[in-house]
Amino acid sequence: MDSDERDICIYLRGWRGQFVALKEINRRAAGKRRYQEDSNWAVPVLGRLLENGTIESDSTGHFRLKAKPKREKQKQWLAPHIRKALEASGKKFEGVLEIEDESEF
């Protein structure tokens, strides 16, 4: 990944999950001097990033970083003795609600 690609990825990271217009990427990703020298400097770089699969584009020509797939967390018992007691009861607890991680709230 060269410096232009890195500049664009860092800029798009600030807009995580949102599509950004090509004109805004050209203007702000590498600074105003780069834009003044060549106002379409990002076009070939964005093409390379699309081919690599680093970014994605929508139908209107806006770009964003691809979201990383979420890893599934392993289920963990509260305590081993509770696990043994629940398994010994013979009941199935498949319909039980799971508490999500509080840090997401």
N, C-alpha and C. Protein backbone atom coordinates (compact mmCIF):
# COMPACT_ATOMS: atom_id res chain seq x y z
N MET A 1 0.85 -1.17 0.00
CA MET A 1 0.00 0.00 0.00
C MET A 1 0.90 1.24 0.00
N ASP A 2 0.73 2.07 -1.00
CA ASP A 2 1.57 3.26 -1.08
C ASP A 2 0.97 4.40 -0.25
N SER A 3 1.64 5.53 -0.25
CA SER A 3 1.22 6.63 0.62
C SER A 3 -0.14 7.21 0.22
N ASP A 4 -0.43 7.26 -1.07
CA ASP A 4 -1.74 7.78 -1.50
C ASP A 4 -2.87 6.87 -1.02
N GLU A 5 -2.68 5.57 -1.16
CA GLU A 5 -3.70 4.63 -0.70
C GLU A 5 -3.87 4.74 0.81
N ARG A 6 -2.77 4.89 1.52
CA ARG A 6 -2.83 5.02 2.97
C ARG A 6 -3.57 6.31 3.37
N ASP A 7 -3.30 7.41 2.67
CA ASP A 7 -3.98 8.67 2.97
C ASP A 7 -5.49 8.54 2.79
N ILE A 8 -5.90 7.89 1.72
CA ILE A 8 -7.33 7.72 1.46
C ILE A 8 -7.97 6.82 2.52
N CYS A 9 -7.29 5.74 2.89
CA CYS A 9 -7.84 4.83 3.91
C CYS A 9 -7.95 5.52 5.26
N ILE A 10 -6.97 6.33 5.61
CA ILE A 10 -7.02 7.06 6.88
C ILE A 10 -8.17 8.07 6.85
N TYR A 11 -8.35 8.74 5.73
CA TYR A 11 -9.45 9.70 5.61
C TYR A 11 -10.80 9.00 5.71
N LEU A 12 -10.96 7.88 5.02
CA LEU A 12 -12.23 7.16 5.05
C LEU A 12 -12.50 6.52 6.41
N ARG A 13 -11.46 6.24 7.16
CA ARG A 13 -11.64 5.68 8.50
C ARG A 13 -12.37 6.68 9.40
N GLY A 14 -12.18 7.96 9.16
CA GLY A 14 -12.89 8.98 9.91
C GLY A 14 -14.38 9.02 9.61
N TRP A 15 -14.77 8.48 8.48
CA TRP A 15 -16.18 8.43 8.06
C TRP A 15 -16.68 6.99 8.10
N ARG A 16 -16.32 6.26 9.12
CA ARG A 16 -16.60 4.83 9.22
C ARG A 16 -18.08 4.52 8.97
N GLY A 17 -18.32 3.69 7.97
CA GLY A 17 -19.67 3.26 7.66
C GLY A 17 -20.45 4.18 6.73
N GLN A 18 -19.90 5.35 6.42
CA GLN A 18 -20.61 6.29 5.56
C GLN A 18 -19.90 6.38 4.21
N PHE A 19 -20.68 6.58 3.17
CA PHE A 19 -20.12 6.77 1.85
C PHE A 19 -19.69 8.23 1.69
N VAL A 20 -18.52 8.44 1.08
CA VAL A 20 -17.96 9.78 0.89
C VAL A 20 -17.80 10.02 -0.60
N ALA A 21 -18.12 11.22 -1.05
CA ALA A 21 -18.05 11.57 -2.47
C ALA A 21 -16.60 11.65 -2.94
N LEU A 22 -16.40 11.36 -4.21
CA LEU A 22 -15.07 11.41 -4.82
C LEU A 22 -14.46 12.80 -4.70
N LYS A 23 -15.27 13.82 -4.88
CA LYS A 23 -14.77 15.20 -4.81
C LYS A 23 -14.21 15.51 -3.42
N GLU A 24 -14.87 15.03 -2.38
CA GLU A 24 -14.40 15.26 -1.02
C GLU A 24 -13.10 14.51 -0.75
N ILE A 25 -12.99 13.32 -1.29
CA ILE A 25 -11.76 12.54 -1.12
C ILE A 25 -10.61 13.25 -1.82
N ASN A 26 -10.85 13.73 -3.04
CA ASN A 26 -9.83 14.47 -3.77
C ASN A 26 -9.36 15.70 -3.00
N ARG A 27 -10.30 16.40 -2.39
CA ARG A 27 -9.97 17.65 -1.69
C ARG A 27 -9.25 17.43 -0.38
N ARG A 28 -9.70 16.48 0.41
CA ARG A 28 -9.29 16.46 1.81
C ARG A 28 -8.39 15.31 2.23
N ALA A 29 -8.25 14.29 1.44
CA ALA A 29 -7.51 13.12 1.89
C ALA A 29 -6.00 13.38 1.99
N ALA A 30 -5.43 14.14 1.08
CA ALA A 30 -3.98 14.34 1.09
C ALA A 30 -3.58 15.79 1.26
N GLY A 31 -4.51 16.66 1.51
CA GLY A 31 -4.17 18.06 1.73
C GLY A 31 -4.47 18.92 0.52
N LYS A 32 -4.49 20.23 0.77
CA LYS A 32 -4.91 21.14 -0.30
C LYS A 32 -3.84 21.30 -1.38
N ARG A 33 -2.57 21.15 -1.05
CA ARG A 33 -1.53 21.29 -2.09
C ARG A 33 -1.65 20.19 -3.14
N ARG A 34 -1.91 18.99 -2.67
CA ARG A 34 -2.07 17.87 -3.60
C ARG A 34 -3.28 18.11 -4.50
N TYR A 35 -4.35 18.65 -3.95
CA TYR A 35 -5.55 18.95 -4.72
C TYR A 35 -5.30 20.07 -5.71
N GLN A 36 -4.51 21.07 -5.33
CA GLN A 36 -4.21 22.18 -6.23
C GLN A 36 -3.34 21.73 -7.40
N GLU A 37 -2.43 20.80 -7.16
CA GLU A 37 -1.57 20.29 -8.23
C GLU A 37 -2.36 19.46 -9.23
N ASP A 38 -3.20 18.56 -8.72
CA ASP A 38 -4.01 17.69 -9.58
C ASP A 38 -5.33 17.43 -8.88
N SER A 39 -6.40 17.96 -9.43
CA SER A 39 -7.69 17.87 -8.75
C SER A 39 -8.33 16.48 -8.85
N ASN A 40 -7.80 15.60 -9.68
CA ASN A 40 -8.33 14.23 -9.80
C ASN A 40 -7.28 13.18 -9.46
N TRP A 41 -6.44 13.47 -8.50
CA TRP A 41 -5.35 12.57 -8.17
C TRP A 41 -5.85 11.26 -7.56
N ALA A 42 -7.02 11.25 -6.93
CA ALA A 42 -7.49 10.06 -6.22
C ALA A 42 -8.17 9.03 -7.12
N VAL A 43 -8.50 9.39 -8.34
CA VAL A 43 -9.26 8.48 -9.21
C VAL A 43 -8.51 7.16 -9.46
N PRO A 44 -7.24 7.17 -9.90
CA PRO A 44 -6.57 5.89 -10.11
C PRO A 44 -6.29 5.14 -8.81
N VAL A 45 -6.08 5.87 -7.74
CA VAL A 45 -5.82 5.24 -6.45
C VAL A 45 -7.07 4.53 -5.96
N LEU A 46 -8.22 5.16 -6.11
CA LEU A 46 -9.47 4.52 -5.71
C LEU A 46 -9.76 3.29 -6.55
N GLY A 47 -9.39 3.33 -7.81
CA GLY A 47 -9.54 2.15 -8.65
C GLY A 47 -8.74 0.97 -8.14
N ARG A 48 -7.50 1.25 -7.73
CA ARG A 48 -6.66 0.18 -7.17
C ARG A 48 -7.25 -0.36 -5.87
N LEU A 49 -7.75 0.54 -5.02
CA LEU A 49 -8.32 0.11 -3.76
C LEU A 49 -9.60 -0.70 -3.96
N LEU A 50 -10.37 -0.37 -4.99
CA LEU A 50 -11.56 -1.17 -5.31
C LEU A 50 -11.17 -2.57 -5.77
N GLU A 51 -10.12 -2.65 -6.60
CA GLU A 51 -9.66 -3.96 -7.07
C GLU A 51 -9.13 -4.82 -5.93
N ASN A 52 -8.44 -4.19 -4.98
CA ASN A 52 -7.90 -4.92 -3.83
C ASN A 52 -8.99 -5.38 -2.88
N GLY A 53 -10.15 -4.73 -2.93
CA GLY A 53 -11.22 -5.07 -2.01
C GLY A 53 -11.12 -4.32 -0.69
N THR A 54 -10.30 -3.28 -0.63
CA THR A 54 -10.15 -2.50 0.58
C THR A 54 -11.33 -1.57 0.80
N ILE A 55 -11.86 -1.02 -0.28
CA ILE A 55 -13.00 -0.11 -0.19
C ILE A 55 -14.13 -0.64 -1.06
N GLU A 56 -15.30 -0.05 -0.90
CA GLU A 56 -16.44 -0.40 -1.74
C GLU A 56 -17.12 0.88 -2.20
N SER A 57 -17.88 0.75 -3.28
CA SER A 57 -18.53 1.90 -3.89
C SER A 57 -20.02 1.63 -4.01
N ASP A 58 -20.81 2.70 -3.93
CA ASP A 58 -22.24 2.55 -4.17
C ASP A 58 -22.57 2.97 -5.59
N SER A 59 -23.83 2.98 -5.93
CA SER A 59 -24.24 3.26 -7.31
C SER A 59 -24.04 4.72 -7.70
N THR A 60 -23.88 5.61 -6.74
CA THR A 60 -23.71 7.03 -7.05
C THR A 60 -22.25 7.45 -7.13
N GLY A 61 -21.32 6.52 -6.97
CA GLY A 61 -19.90 6.84 -7.07
C GLY A 61 -19.28 7.33 -5.79
N HIS A 62 -19.89 7.02 -4.66
CA HIS A 62 -19.32 7.36 -3.37
C HIS A 62 -18.59 6.13 -2.83
N PHE A 63 -17.61 6.37 -1.95
CA PHE A 63 -16.75 5.30 -1.48
C PHE A 63 -16.74 5.24 0.04
N ARG A 64 -16.46 4.02 0.56
CA ARG A 64 -16.25 3.82 1.99
C ARG A 64 -15.38 2.60 2.20
N LEU A 65 -14.79 2.52 3.39
CA LEU A 65 -14.01 1.35 3.74
C LEU A 65 -14.93 0.16 3.92
N LYS A 66 -14.47 -1.01 3.54
CA LYS A 66 -15.28 -2.21 3.75
C LYS A 66 -15.30 -2.53 5.24
N ALA A 67 -16.44 -2.94 5.71
CA ALA A 67 -16.58 -3.31 7.11
C ALA A 67 -15.93 -4.67 7.34
N LYS A 68 -15.24 -4.78 8.44
CA LYS A 68 -14.64 -6.06 8.80
C LYS A 68 -15.73 -6.97 9.34
N PRO A 69 -15.70 -8.25 8.98
CA PRO A 69 -16.72 -9.16 9.50
C PRO A 69 -16.57 -9.32 11.00
N LYS A 70 -17.71 -9.33 11.69
CA LYS A 70 -17.67 -9.49 13.14
C LYS A 70 -17.40 -10.93 13.50
N ARG A 71 -16.53 -11.10 14.47
CA ARG A 71 -16.24 -12.45 14.94
C ARG A 71 -17.30 -12.84 15.95
N GLU A 72 -17.69 -14.07 15.88
CA GLU A 72 -18.66 -14.57 16.84
C GLU A 72 -17.94 -14.90 18.13
N LYS A 73 -18.52 -14.44 19.24
CA LYS A 73 -17.93 -14.70 20.54
C LYS A 73 -18.34 -16.08 21.01
N GLN A 74 -17.42 -16.73 21.69
CA GLN A 74 -17.75 -18.02 22.25
C GLN A 74 -18.65 -17.82 23.46
N LYS A 75 -19.59 -18.70 23.62
CA LYS A 75 -20.47 -18.63 24.78
C LYS A 75 -19.69 -19.14 25.98
N GLN A 76 -19.87 -18.44 27.08
CA GLN A 76 -19.11 -18.78 28.27
C GLN A 76 -20.08 -18.90 29.45
N TRP A 77 -19.88 -19.92 30.23
CA TRP A 77 -20.72 -20.12 31.39
C TRP A 77 -20.29 -19.18 32.51
N LEU A 78 -21.26 -18.83 33.35
CA LEU A 78 -20.97 -17.95 34.46
C LEU A 78 -20.03 -18.62 35.46
N ALA A 79 -20.32 -19.87 35.79
CA ALA A 79 -19.47 -20.62 36.70
C ALA A 79 -19.61 -22.10 36.37
N PRO A 80 -18.55 -22.89 36.59
CA PRO A 80 -18.61 -24.32 36.24
C PRO A 80 -19.67 -25.09 37.02
N HIS A 81 -19.87 -24.78 38.30
CA HIS A 81 -20.84 -25.53 39.08
C HIS A 81 -22.28 -25.24 38.62
N ILE A 82 -22.53 -24.04 38.13
CA ILE A 82 -23.86 -23.72 37.58
C ILE A 82 -24.08 -24.49 36.29
N ARG A 83 -23.04 -24.61 35.50
CA ARG A 83 -23.14 -25.38 34.25
C ARG A 83 -23.50 -26.82 34.54
N LYS A 84 -22.81 -27.43 35.50
CA LYS A 84 -23.08 -28.83 35.85
C LYS A 84 -24.51 -29.01 36.34
N ALA A 85 -24.98 -28.07 37.15
CA ALA A 85 -26.33 -28.17 37.69
C ALA A 85 -27.37 -28.04 36.58
N LEU A 86 -27.16 -27.12 35.65
CA LEU A 86 -28.12 -26.94 34.55
C LEU A 86 -28.11 -28.13 33.60
N GLU A 87 -26.93 -28.68 33.31
CA GLU A 87 -26.87 -29.84 32.42
C GLU A 87 -27.46 -31.07 33.09
N ALA A 88 -27.31 -31.19 34.41
CA ALA A 88 -27.86 -32.33 35.14
C ALA A 88 -29.39 -32.27 35.21
N SER A 89 -29.96 -31.09 35.10
CA SER A 89 -31.42 -30.96 35.18
C SER A 89 -32.11 -31.56 33.96
N GLY A 90 -31.41 -31.65 32.84
CA GLY A 90 -31.98 -32.24 31.64
C GLY A 90 -32.81 -31.28 30.81
N LYS A 91 -32.95 -30.04 31.23
CA LYS A 91 -33.73 -29.06 30.48
C LYS A 91 -32.87 -28.45 29.39
N LYS A 92 -33.54 -27.97 28.36
CA LYS A 92 -32.85 -27.29 27.27
C LYS A 92 -33.09 -25.79 27.42
N PHE A 93 -32.03 -25.01 27.30
CA PHE A 93 -32.11 -23.57 27.47
C PHE A 93 -31.80 -22.84 26.17
N GLU A 94 -32.38 -23.32 25.08
CA GLU A 94 -32.09 -22.73 23.77
C GLU A 94 -32.85 -21.44 23.53
N GLY A 95 -34.00 -21.25 24.14
CA GLY A 95 -34.81 -20.06 23.91
C GLY A 95 -34.53 -18.94 24.89
N VAL A 96 -33.47 -19.05 25.65
CA VAL A 96 -33.15 -18.06 26.67
C VAL A 96 -32.51 -16.84 26.03
N LEU A 97 -32.87 -15.66 26.49
CA LEU A 97 -32.27 -14.43 25.98
C LEU A 97 -30.84 -14.31 26.46
N GLU A 98 -29.99 -13.79 25.58
CA GLU A 98 -28.60 -13.59 25.95
C GLU A 98 -28.36 -12.11 26.16
N ILE A 99 -27.60 -11.78 27.18
CA ILE A 99 -27.26 -10.39 27.46
C ILE A 99 -26.06 -10.00 26.60
N GLU A 100 -26.22 -8.91 25.86
CA GLU A 100 -25.13 -8.46 25.00
C GLU A 100 -24.09 -7.73 25.84
N ASP A 101 -22.95 -7.54 25.25
CA ASP A 101 -21.87 -6.83 25.91
C ASP A 101 -22.30 -5.39 26.20
N GLU A 102 -22.15 -4.95 27.43
CA GLU A 102 -22.61 -3.62 27.82
C GLU A 102 -21.77 -2.50 27.21
N SER A 103 -20.58 -2.81 26.75
CA SER A 103 -19.71 -1.77 26.16
C SER A 103 -20.27 -1.27 24.84
N GLU A 104 -21.17 -2.01 24.20
CA GLU A 104 -21.76 -1.58 22.94
C GLU A 104 -22.81 -0.51 23.16
N PHE A 105 -23.35 -0.39 24.35
CA PHE A 105 -24.39 0.59 24.63
C PHE A 105 -23.73 1.87 24.92
